[in-house]
Amino acid sequence: MPTYEYECTNCGHRFEEFQNITAEPLKTCPVCAGEVRRLISTGGGLIFKGSGFYITDYRSEDYKKQAKKDQPESTGSSEKKTSTKTDSSATSTGTTDKKDSQT
């Protein structure tokens, strides 16, 4: 159940109330019986403890070994492909020459 925060418009008393989502908001202050309004709150903090919360916690040893093998190859080949594409697109459109001549 969510926790809702309320503030009294008469006395300024602030309090929290555990309520069902479908429940009607409270209307009276428990201290002075004045009118209350529901506040927008940040909610509670969420803390993950223990293992099993990261994708790497569920990986098998075989997967980890294969990932280590593939890692250096994938970074080197992607850099070469990126630089090749950039060079070919710049020379085919000629935009690099126009920008240099304008500045």
Protein backbone atom coordinates (compact mmCIF):
# COMPACT_ATOMS: atom_id res chain seq x y z
CA MET A 1 0.00 0.00 0.00
CA PRO A 2 1.27 3.48 -0.81
CA THR A 3 2.04 6.11 1.79
CA TYR A 4 0.37 9.48 1.21
CA GLU A 5 1.44 12.75 2.82
CA TYR A 6 -1.11 15.29 4.00
CA GLU A 7 -0.91 18.84 5.35
CA CYS A 8 -3.56 20.69 7.29
CA THR A 9 -4.51 24.08 5.85
CA ASN A 10 -5.48 25.40 9.33
CA CYS A 11 -2.71 24.34 11.71
CA GLY A 12 0.00 23.22 9.25
CA HIS A 13 0.24 19.72 10.77
CA ARG A 14 1.90 17.30 8.35
CA PHE A 15 1.34 13.56 8.54
CA GLU A 16 1.56 10.37 6.51
CA GLU A 17 -1.16 7.81 5.98
CA PHE A 18 -1.01 4.29 4.54
CA GLN A 19 -3.94 4.01 2.15
CA ASN A 20 -5.10 1.81 -0.67
CA ILE A 21 -4.71 3.36 -4.13
CA THR A 22 -8.46 3.30 -4.67
CA ALA A 23 -9.23 4.87 -1.25
CA GLU A 24 -10.61 8.40 -1.11
CA PRO A 25 -8.14 11.06 0.13
CA LEU A 26 -8.50 12.13 3.75
CA LYS A 27 -10.40 15.38 4.34
CA THR A 28 -9.92 16.22 8.02
CA CYS A 29 -6.86 16.85 10.18
CA PRO A 30 -6.41 14.44 13.11
CA VAL A 31 -5.17 17.31 15.32
CA CYS A 32 -7.61 20.20 14.74
CA ALA A 33 -10.26 18.63 12.44
CA GLY A 34 -9.44 21.25 9.81
CA GLU A 35 -9.27 20.67 6.07
CA VAL A 36 -6.23 18.78 4.72
CA ARG A 37 -4.70 18.53 1.29
CA ARG A 38 -2.69 15.66 -0.12
CA LEU A 39 0.92 16.51 -0.97
CA ILE A 40 3.07 15.20 -3.76
CA SER A 41 5.88 13.22 -2.19
CA THR A 42 9.02 11.56 -3.44
CA GLY A 43 8.08 8.12 -2.17
CA GLY A 44 10.28 5.63 -0.41
CA GLY A 45 13.78 4.67 -1.36
CA LEU A 46 14.41 1.37 -3.03
CA ILE A 47 17.43 -0.62 -1.88
CA PHE A 48 18.70 -3.76 -3.59
CA LYS A 49 20.72 -6.05 -1.35
CA GLY A 50 22.39 -9.31 -2.22
CA SER A 51 23.13 -10.91 -5.55
CA GLY A 52 20.80 -11.38 -8.49
CA PHE A 53 20.04 -7.77 -9.31
CA TYR A 54 22.44 -7.32 -12.20
CA ILE A 55 22.36 -9.11 -15.52
CA THR A 56 25.93 -10.29 -14.97
CA ASP A 57 24.90 -12.18 -11.82
CA TYR A 58 22.98 -14.72 -13.89
CA ARG A 59 25.63 -15.34 -16.54
CA SER A 60 27.23 -18.77 -16.79
CA GLU A 61 30.99 -19.23 -16.73
CA ASP A 62 30.99 -20.27 -20.42
CA TYR A 63 29.23 -17.06 -21.37
CA LYS A 64 31.71 -14.96 -19.41
CA LYS A 65 34.68 -16.69 -21.08
CA GLN A 66 33.21 -16.18 -24.55
CA ALA A 67 32.47 -12.52 -23.80
CA LYS A 68 36.08 -11.95 -22.76
CA LYS A 69 37.29 -13.50 -26.02
CA ASP A 70 34.97 -11.39 -28.18
CA GLN A 71 35.50 -8.07 -26.38
CA PRO A 72 38.86 -6.97 -27.87
CA GLU A 73 37.82 -8.04 -31.38
CA SER A 74 34.52 -6.19 -31.32
CA THR A 75 36.01 -2.87 -30.17
CA GLY A 76 38.75 -2.86 -32.79
CA SER A 77 36.51 -3.76 -35.73
CA SER A 78 33.79 -1.25 -34.85
CA GLU A 79 36.30 1.59 -34.75
CA LYS A 80 37.61 0.73 -38.20
CA LYS A 81 34.11 0.49 -39.68
CA THR A 82 33.07 3.81 -38.19
CA SER A 83 36.10 5.68 -39.46
CA THR A 84 35.73 4.16 -42.95
CA LYS A 85 32.08 5.18 -43.18
CA THR A 86 32.85 8.70 -42.02
CA ASP A 87 35.67 9.17 -44.53
CA SER A 88 33.66 7.87 -47.50
CA SER A 89 30.56 9.96 -46.72
CA ALA A 90 32.59 13.15 -46.27
CA THR A 91 34.41 12.79 -49.59
CA SER A 92 31.35 11.75 -51.59
CA THR A 93 29.22 14.70 -50.46
CA GLY A 94 32.02 17.23 -50.33
CA THR A 95 30.56 18.85 -47.22
CA THR A 96 33.91 18.88 -45.47
CA ASP A 97 35.47 21.11 -48.15
CA LYS A 98 32.58 23.58 -48.11
CA LYS A 99 32.62 23.91 -44.30
CA ASP A 100 36.38 24.49 -44.29
CA SER A 101 36.16 27.15 -46.99
CA GLN A 102 33.37 29.02 -45.15
CA THR A 103 35.24 29.38 -41.87
